Amino acid sequence: MCLYLPYFYDMLLIAVLVPWLSFFLRLRPLRGIICLLLQLTLIGWLPAAIWAVADLQEKRAQRRSRRMIRAVRFANA
């Protein structure tokens, strides 16, 4: 788990400062383009940053859930 923490904090910083880039780095180009269009307006920058951070948190929770399910299946086998 410690291996993911530096990556997570780097991605969190990118998601706050350059939200559209965080989507492209996580291989979600359509969301990246939409986020870039949203970020082009000064008012849209804050919602774009919140969206990028929320999406990053969701991806991290999904990864954790998959690991837990895999561990339970392995323990029951």
Protein backbone atom coordinates (compact mmCIF):
# COMPACT_ATOMS: atom_id res chain seq x y z
CA MET A 1 0.00 0.00 0.00
CA CYS A 2 2.90 2.36 0.63
CA LEU A 3 3.84 2.11 -3.04
CA TYR A 4 0.60 3.83 -4.06
CA LEU A 5 0.84 6.80 -1.69
CA PRO A 6 3.47 8.88 -3.55
CA TYR A 7 1.59 8.29 -6.81
CA PHE A 8 -1.68 9.27 -5.16
CA TYR A 9 -0.31 12.53 -3.73
CA ASP A 10 1.33 13.43 -7.04
CA MET A 11 -1.91 12.79 -8.88
CA LEU A 12 -3.83 14.76 -6.25
CA LEU A 13 -1.57 17.76 -6.78
CA ILE A 14 -1.98 17.50 -10.55
CA ALA A 15 -5.77 17.15 -10.16
CA VAL A 16 -5.94 20.37 -8.14
CA LEU A 17 -3.52 22.45 -10.22
CA VAL A 18 -4.16 21.10 -13.74
CA PRO A 19 -7.42 19.11 -13.60
CA TRP A 20 -7.64 18.26 -17.31
CA LEU A 21 -4.14 16.75 -17.29
CA SER A 22 -5.04 14.34 -14.50
CA PHE A 23 -7.78 12.85 -16.70
CA PHE A 24 -5.40 12.42 -19.63
CA LEU A 25 -2.76 10.79 -17.41
CA ARG A 26 -5.37 8.30 -16.16
CA LEU A 27 -6.35 7.46 -19.77
CA ARG A 28 -9.72 9.25 -19.80
CA PRO A 29 -9.33 11.58 -22.79
CA LEU A 30 -13.00 12.50 -23.28
CA ARG A 31 -13.31 13.61 -19.66
CA GLY A 32 -10.02 15.46 -20.08
CA ILE A 33 -11.33 17.42 -23.05
CA ILE A 34 -14.58 18.28 -21.24
CA CYS A 35 -12.60 19.32 -18.18
CA LEU A 36 -10.28 21.48 -20.28
CA LEU A 37 -13.26 23.26 -21.84
CA LEU A 38 -14.69 23.80 -18.37
CA GLN A 39 -11.35 25.03 -17.04
CA LEU A 40 -10.93 27.58 -19.83
CA THR A 41 -13.38 29.82 -18.01
CA LEU A 42 -12.17 31.31 -14.76
CA ILE A 43 -15.39 30.36 -12.99
CA GLY A 44 -15.18 26.79 -14.31
CA TRP A 45 -11.72 26.14 -12.89
CA LEU A 46 -12.94 25.36 -9.37
CA PRO A 47 -15.63 22.86 -10.45
CA ALA A 48 -13.09 21.24 -12.79
CA ALA A 49 -10.61 20.81 -9.94
CA ILE A 50 -13.30 19.40 -7.63
CA TRP A 51 -14.42 16.99 -10.36
CA ALA A 52 -10.86 15.79 -11.00
CA VAL A 53 -10.19 15.19 -7.28
CA ALA A 54 -13.52 13.40 -6.82
CA ASP A 55 -12.83 11.17 -9.81
CA LEU A 56 -9.36 10.37 -8.46
CA GLN A 57 -10.85 9.43 -5.08
CA GLU A 58 -13.44 7.22 -6.79
CA LYS A 59 -10.76 5.39 -8.77
CA ARG A 60 -8.76 4.81 -5.60
CA ALA A 61 -11.84 3.44 -3.79
CA GLN A 62 -12.62 1.10 -6.69
CA ARG A 63 -9.06 -0.23 -6.66
CA ARG A 64 -9.27 -0.82 -2.91
CA SER A 65 -12.63 -2.61 -3.30
CA ARG A 66 -11.26 -4.88 -6.02
CA ARG A 67 -8.30 -5.80 -3.81
CA MET A 68 -10.59 -6.59 -0.89
CA ILE A 69 -12.90 -8.76 -3.03
CA ARG A 70 -9.88 -10.61 -4.43
CA ALA A 71 -8.57 -11.20 -0.90
CA VAL A 72 -11.93 -12.56 0.29
CA ARG A 73 -12.20 -14.87 -2.70
CA PHE A 74 -8.67 -16.12 -2.13
CA ALA A 75 -9.36 -16.71 1.57
CA ASN A 76 -12.52 -18.69 0.79
CA ALA A 77 -10.85 -20.86 -1.86
